[in-house]
Protein backbone atom coordinates (compact mmCIF):
# COMPACT_ATOMS: atom_id res chain seq x y z
CA MET A 1 2.82 -16.33 19.13
CA LYS A 2 -0.10 -16.95 21.45
CA LYS A 3 -2.85 -14.36 21.77
CA GLU A 4 -3.41 -15.29 25.45
CA TYR A 5 -0.04 -14.61 27.06
CA VAL A 6 0.46 -17.06 29.92
CA PHE A 7 3.89 -16.45 31.44
CA SER A 8 4.84 -19.88 32.70
CA TRP A 9 8.48 -18.70 32.90
CA ALA A 10 10.05 -15.57 34.42
CA GLU A 11 13.44 -14.21 35.49
CA ASN A 12 14.63 -14.68 39.09
CA THR A 13 17.01 -12.50 41.10
CA GLU A 14 20.02 -14.36 39.66
CA GLY A 15 19.01 -13.60 36.09
CA LYS A 16 17.93 -17.19 35.41
CA MET A 17 14.67 -18.21 33.77
CA VAL A 18 12.54 -20.27 36.18
CA HIS A 19 9.22 -22.11 35.78
CA VAL A 20 6.22 -21.03 37.86
CA ASP A 21 6.00 -24.48 39.49
CA SER A 22 9.53 -24.11 40.91
CA VAL A 23 8.93 -20.89 42.87
CA SER A 24 6.83 -19.72 45.82
CA ARG A 25 3.38 -18.17 45.43
CA GLY A 26 2.72 -14.47 44.92
CA LEU A 27 5.47 -11.89 45.29
CA ARG A 28 7.50 -14.37 47.32
CA CYS A 29 8.61 -15.84 44.00
CA GLU A 30 10.95 -12.81 43.66
CA CYS A 31 10.66 -12.89 39.88
CA THR A 32 10.51 -10.05 37.36
CA CYS A 33 9.66 -9.57 33.71
CA PRO A 34 12.92 -9.40 31.70
CA ASN A 35 11.37 -6.85 29.34
CA CYS A 36 9.66 -4.22 31.52
CA HIS A 37 11.48 -5.32 34.74
CA GLU A 38 8.23 -5.19 36.74
CA LYS A 39 7.68 -7.55 39.67
CA LEU A 40 5.64 -10.64 38.85
CA LEU A 41 3.15 -12.62 40.92
CA ALA A 42 3.33 -16.40 40.79
CA ARG A 43 -0.19 -17.85 40.64
CA HIS A 44 -0.73 -21.42 41.79
CA GLY A 45 -4.19 -22.90 41.86
CA ASP A 46 -7.38 -23.57 39.97
CA GLU A 47 -9.22 -20.28 40.52
CA ARG A 48 -6.95 -18.16 38.35
CA GLU A 49 -4.80 -19.11 35.38
CA HIS A 50 -1.64 -20.94 36.42
CA GLY A 51 1.37 -18.72 35.70
CA PHE A 52 3.09 -15.39 36.34
CA ALA A 53 1.21 -12.08 36.23
CA HIS A 54 2.46 -8.51 36.27
CA HIS A 55 1.99 -7.04 39.76
CA SER A 56 0.90 -3.49 38.93
CA ASP A 57 -2.63 -2.75 37.72
CA THR A 58 -1.40 0.43 36.05
CA ARG A 59 1.56 -1.14 34.27
CA GLY A 60 2.41 0.05 30.79
CA ALA A 61 3.99 -3.21 29.68
CA HIS A 62 3.26 -4.53 26.20
CA LEU A 63 2.41 -8.18 26.89
CA GLU A 64 3.33 -9.39 23.41
CA ILE A 65 6.84 -7.92 23.68
CA CYS A 66 7.20 -9.21 27.25
CA TYR A 67 6.28 -12.69 26.09
CA MET A 68 8.69 -12.45 23.16
CA VAL A 69 11.61 -11.42 25.38
CA ILE A 70 10.87 -14.24 27.84
CA LEU A 71 10.74 -16.69 24.92
CA TYR A 72 14.05 -15.36 23.61
CA LYS A 73 15.84 -15.58 26.96
CA LEU A 74 14.46 -19.06 27.63
CA ALA A 75 15.73 -20.21 24.21
CA GLU A 76 19.22 -19.01 25.10
CA GLN A 77 19.06 -20.77 28.46
CA ILE A 78 17.89 -24.06 26.94
CA ILE A 79 20.85 -24.12 24.53
CA GLN A 80 23.25 -23.20 27.33
CA THR A 81 21.83 -25.81 29.72
CA LYS A 82 21.29 -28.70 27.30
CA LYS A 83 24.43 -27.84 25.27
CA ARG A 84 22.95 -29.00 21.98
CA ILE A 85 20.59 -28.05 19.17
CA HIS A 86 18.96 -29.93 16.29
CA ALA A 87 20.41 -28.61 13.04
CA PRO A 88 18.60 -28.77 9.68
CA SER A 89 19.80 -30.39 6.48
CA TYR A 90 22.32 -28.43 4.43
CA TYR A 91 20.74 -28.23 0.94
CA GLY A 92 20.12 -31.98 1.06
CA ILE A 93 23.90 -32.59 0.93
CA TYR A 94 24.37 -33.03 4.68
CA LYS A 95 21.60 -34.61 6.74
CA GLU A 96 19.90 -32.95 9.70
CA LYS A 97 21.45 -33.89 13.03
CA ASP A 98 21.98 -32.96 16.67
CA ILE A 99 25.04 -30.79 17.29
CA GLU A 100 26.59 -31.22 20.74
CA PHE A 101 28.51 -28.40 22.43
CA VAL A 102 31.10 -28.31 25.20
CA ASP A 103 30.88 -24.57 25.78
CA VAL A 104 27.97 -22.14 25.26
CA LYS A 105 28.09 -18.37 25.75
CA ILE A 106 24.88 -16.34 25.62
CA ASP A 107 24.36 -12.59 25.20
CA SER A 108 21.11 -12.20 27.24
CA ARG A 109 20.14 -8.86 25.62
CA PHE A 110 17.05 -8.90 23.40
CA GLU A 111 17.74 -5.60 21.65
CA ARG A 112 21.23 -4.14 21.39
CA GLU A 113 23.45 -1.79 19.42
CA ASP A 114 26.47 -4.07 18.95
CA LYS A 115 26.99 -7.01 16.58
CA GLN A 116 27.31 -9.75 19.18
CA PRO A 117 25.35 -12.92 18.19
CA ASP A 118 22.76 -14.41 20.57
CA VAL A 119 24.70 -17.63 21.18
CA ILE A 120 28.33 -18.61 20.60
CA ALA A 121 28.71 -22.37 20.99
CA THR A 122 31.82 -24.52 20.61
CA THR A 123 31.95 -28.25 19.82
CA HIS A 124 34.44 -30.81 21.18
CA ASP A 125 36.56 -30.45 18.01
CA ASN A 126 36.78 -26.68 18.57
CA LYS A 127 34.36 -25.70 15.79
CA GLN A 128 32.42 -22.56 16.60
CA TYR A 129 28.72 -22.07 15.84
CA LEU A 130 26.80 -18.81 16.06
CA ILE A 131 23.07 -19.09 16.73
CA GLU A 132 20.66 -16.25 15.98
CA PHE A 133 17.05 -16.17 17.22
CA VAL A 134 14.60 -14.16 15.12
CA PHE A 135 10.90 -13.29 15.21
CA ASN A 136 8.91 -12.95 12.00
CA TYR A 137 12.18 -13.21 10.08
CA LYS A 138 13.62 -10.08 11.67
CA VAL A 139 16.82 -10.19 13.68
CA GLN A 140 16.66 -8.07 16.82
CA HIS A 141 19.97 -6.31 16.05
CA LYS A 142 20.09 -2.67 15.09
CA GLN A 143 23.25 -3.45 13.11
CA ASP A 144 23.68 -6.39 10.75
CA ILE A 145 26.15 -9.02 11.91
CA ASP A 146 28.95 -9.84 9.46
CA TYR A 147 28.94 -13.63 9.15
CA HIS A 148 31.78 -13.74 6.60
CA ASN A 149 33.79 -16.97 7.06
CA LEU A 150 31.70 -17.88 10.13
CA THR A 151 29.18 -20.66 10.68
CA CYS A 152 25.76 -19.38 11.72
CA LEU A 153 22.36 -20.98 12.23
CA GLU A 154 19.24 -18.79 12.23
CA VAL A 155 16.23 -20.03 14.24
CA ASP A 156 12.78 -18.41 13.91
CA LEU A 157 10.84 -18.49 17.20
CA SER A 158 7.71 -16.79 15.82
CA ASN A 159 5.55 -19.93 15.91
CA GLN A 160 6.63 -21.14 19.35
CA THR A 161 5.26 -20.89 22.87
CA LEU A 162 7.06 -21.25 26.19
CA GLU A 163 5.63 -24.76 26.44
CA THR A 164 6.79 -25.95 22.98
CA LEU A 165 10.16 -24.20 22.88
CA GLU A 166 12.45 -26.88 24.33
CA GLN A 167 11.24 -29.69 22.09
CA PHE A 168 11.34 -27.34 19.12
CA LEU A 169 15.00 -26.43 19.68
CA LEU A 170 16.22 -29.92 20.52
CA SER A 171 14.18 -32.11 18.17
CA SER A 172 12.62 -30.17 15.28
CA ASN A 173 14.11 -29.30 11.87
CA THR A 174 11.57 -26.58 11.00
CA ASP A 175 11.86 -22.77 11.05
CA ARG A 176 15.65 -22.74 10.92
CA ARG A 177 18.23 -22.25 8.20
CA TRP A 178 21.97 -22.03 7.71
CA ILE A 179 23.01 -18.44 7.00
CA ASN A 180 26.57 -19.72 6.57
CA ASN A 181 28.21 -23.06 7.25
CA GLU A 182 31.91 -22.94 6.51
CA VAL A 183 32.44 -26.55 7.64
CA TYR A 184 29.80 -27.94 5.30
CA PHE A 185 30.54 -25.58 2.41
CA ASN A 186 34.27 -26.37 2.33
CA GLY A 187 33.53 -30.10 2.44
CA ILE A 188 30.98 -30.32 -0.40
CA GLU A 189 33.36 -31.58 -3.09
CA LEU A 190 34.96 -34.04 -0.66
CA ILE A 191 31.65 -35.55 0.45
CA TYR A 192 30.57 -36.11 -3.17
CA ARG A 193 33.96 -37.66 -3.92
CA SER A 194 33.41 -40.07 -1.02
CA ARG A 195 30.19 -41.13 -2.78
CA GLY A 196 32.03 -41.78 -6.02
CA LYS A 197 30.86 -38.58 -7.72
CA SER A 198 32.88 -35.72 -9.14
CA VAL A 199 31.34 -32.33 -8.32
CA LYS A 200 32.72 -28.80 -8.52
CA VAL A 201 31.39 -25.86 -6.50
CA ALA A 202 30.97 -23.11 -9.10
CA SER A 203 29.91 -19.52 -8.49
CA GLU A 204 26.71 -18.44 -10.20
CA THR A 205 28.75 -15.86 -12.10
CA ASP A 206 30.87 -18.63 -13.63
CA CYS A 207 27.71 -20.60 -14.44
CA GLN A 208 26.27 -17.64 -16.36
CA GLN A 209 29.41 -17.49 -18.49
CA CYS A 210 29.50 -21.25 -19.12
CA ASN A 211 28.58 -22.41 -22.64
CA LEU A 212 26.52 -25.20 -21.09
CA ARG A 213 24.35 -22.79 -19.13
CA TYR A 214 21.14 -23.67 -20.99
CA SER A 215 21.76 -27.42 -20.75
CA CYS A 216 22.91 -27.17 -17.15
CA CYS A 217 24.17 -30.41 -15.64
CA ALA A 218 24.29 -29.09 -12.07
CA VAL A 219 23.20 -31.23 -9.14
CA LYS A 220 19.44 -30.79 -8.70
CA GLU A 221 17.18 -30.74 -5.67
CA ILE A 222 15.03 -33.77 -4.97
CA SER A 223 11.68 -32.12 -5.58
CA ILE A 224 8.88 -31.85 -8.09
CA SER A 225 10.56 -28.91 -9.82
CA SER A 226 14.00 -30.57 -9.81
CA THR A 227 15.72 -27.20 -9.98
CA PRO A 228 19.51 -26.95 -9.62
CA ILE A 229 20.68 -26.49 -6.03
CA LEU A 230 21.55 -22.87 -5.26
CA ILE A 231 23.88 -22.53 -2.27
CA GLU A 232 24.37 -19.24 -0.45
CA ASN A 233 27.60 -18.67 1.44
CA ASN A 234 29.32 -15.45 2.53
CA GLY A 235 26.83 -13.42 0.52
CA GLN A 236 27.63 -15.27 -2.72
CA LYS A 237 25.58 -17.86 -4.65
CA TYR A 238 26.95 -21.15 -5.93
CA ARG A 239 25.82 -24.17 -7.94
CA LEU A 240 27.18 -27.72 -8.03
CA CYS A 241 28.56 -28.74 -11.40
CA LYS A 242 28.86 -32.43 -12.28
CA THR A 243 32.32 -32.08 -13.76
CA GLU A 244 32.38 -35.46 -15.53
CA LEU A 245 29.15 -34.74 -17.40
CA ARG A 246 30.33 -31.24 -18.18
CA GLU A 247 33.63 -32.52 -19.59
CA GLN A 248 31.79 -35.12 -21.68
CA LYS A 249 29.41 -32.50 -23.11
CA GLU A 250 32.24 -30.08 -23.82
CA HIS A 251 34.20 -32.88 -25.52
CA ARG A 252 31.23 -33.79 -27.74
CA GLN A 253 30.67 -30.15 -28.62
CA SER A 254 34.37 -29.75 -29.42
CA ILE A 255 34.29 -32.76 -31.77
CA GLN A 256 31.18 -31.45 -33.52
CA THR A 257 32.77 -28.02 -33.96
CA GLU A 258 35.94 -29.58 -35.38
CA GLN A 259 33.92 -31.67 -37.84
CA ILE A 260 32.03 -28.60 -39.08
CA GLU A 261 35.27 -26.67 -39.46
CA ILE A 262 36.83 -29.55 -41.41
CA GLU A 263 33.83 -29.72 -43.70
CA ASP A 264 33.83 -25.99 -44.27
CA ASN A 265 37.53 -26.02 -45.10
CA THR A 266 37.60 -29.12 -47.33
CA LEU A 267 34.28 -29.02 -49.17
CA LYS A 268 33.73 -26.28 -51.68
CA LYS A 269 30.33 -24.60 -51.52
CA THR A 270 28.92 -25.55 -54.93
CA CYS A 271 25.54 -26.63 -56.23
CA PHE A 272 26.87 -30.16 -56.44
CA ASN A 273 27.13 -30.22 -52.62
CA CYS A 274 23.55 -28.94 -52.12
CA GLU A 275 20.86 -31.38 -50.96
CA TYR A 276 18.39 -29.89 -53.47
CA ASN A 277 20.57 -31.00 -56.43
CA LEU A 278 18.86 -33.96 -58.16
CA SER A 279 21.87 -35.05 -60.26
CA TRP A 280 25.59 -34.47 -59.90
CA ALA A 281 26.09 -33.04 -63.37
CA ASN A 282 24.91 -33.28 -66.94
CA LYS A 283 27.15 -33.49 -69.93
CA ASN A 284 27.58 -29.70 -69.98
CA GLY A 285 28.96 -29.71 -66.38
CA LEU A 286 25.95 -27.94 -64.92
CA ALA A 287 24.10 -28.82 -61.71
CA ASN A 288 20.42 -29.70 -61.82
CA CYS A 289 18.60 -27.77 -59.04
CA GLY A 290 15.49 -29.45 -57.71
CA LEU A 291 13.97 -26.34 -56.09
CA GLN A 292 12.67 -25.00 -59.40
CA ARG A 293 11.99 -21.52 -58.08
CA PRO A 294 11.75 -18.41 -60.30
CA ASN A 295 14.81 -16.79 -58.75
CA ILE A 296 16.95 -19.94 -59.06
CA PRO A 297 18.08 -21.24 -62.48
CA LYS A 298 17.03 -24.81 -63.25
CA ARG A 299 20.57 -25.57 -64.30
CA PRO A 300 22.84 -23.20 -62.34
CA THR A 301 26.57 -23.06 -62.72
CA PRO A 302 28.45 -25.01 -60.03
CA ASP A 303 29.53 -21.82 -58.22
CA TYR A 304 26.00 -20.41 -58.04
CA ALA A 305 25.71 -21.89 -54.49
CA ILE A 306 28.22 -19.35 -53.19
CA TYR A 307 25.48 -16.70 -53.17
CA CYS A 308 22.35 -18.90 -53.28
CA PRO A 309 20.17 -18.16 -50.20
CA MET A 310 18.62 -21.64 -50.33
CA PHE A 311 21.89 -23.58 -50.30
CA LYS A 312 21.92 -26.46 -47.81
CA ARG A 313 24.90 -28.81 -47.69
CA LYS A 314 24.33 -32.51 -48.14
CA ARG A 315 25.07 -34.70 -45.14
């Protein structure tokens, strides 16, 4: 937010946000501040800063909050007028893009008690998008909105000015994130399948219980850290499991387990099967242990390996 608050926009008698260049000078502009509702003067000229100014010298308005409310209302109006917004990438799975709307409803109240979102916008294919404007990562609702099974985009206006706002909303991919996106989330497996890849959306709870957790084969972010993608939707966290790789690893582990079980069941644990044995047997039928430790006989009986702590099966 700017430290010098130049109000280049204000609210007219019809409740619309208007630019200072589009109205008459002074009080004839008939504009007010949407926060403190005080009359504003429209200044045109080089002597004083070009823009709106509060009329009263004894006003108690907090300029930072006034500016913030004007910024908020202008953001709503831009979306309603232009009927589009630039949406960010969805975890690198879906690319950033412009979303066009055919209908846009705005709330117009900066602070409120209810759970109504700032903007409800509908696309030509009847998909509904909720848009929330926040400042310093704080939503201006006194009650949290339940976004369960809804698609919602959060846009942070903290770093914007009235002059940068329109380009920011319509062209930038910064300072915005998907709180939920039911359309994208439900299509993740399908979009990977269209690329010739088999992927399963797995909850983080399932991942924690998976025997491949510590050799995770989940889809990873394209970054230096290359950490597995963690998707948040409806208050839950999910990862993307490459099912083919998982099945291959599980199959290999299953084969290895079966081989060990076969060996344990078919090979008797005797000194003759120990890798430290230097000869299979002498003429007396005794093994010849190569460890030569005080607690291990040089020529133990074949069954000594059953309780020998150093026994290691030959491979």
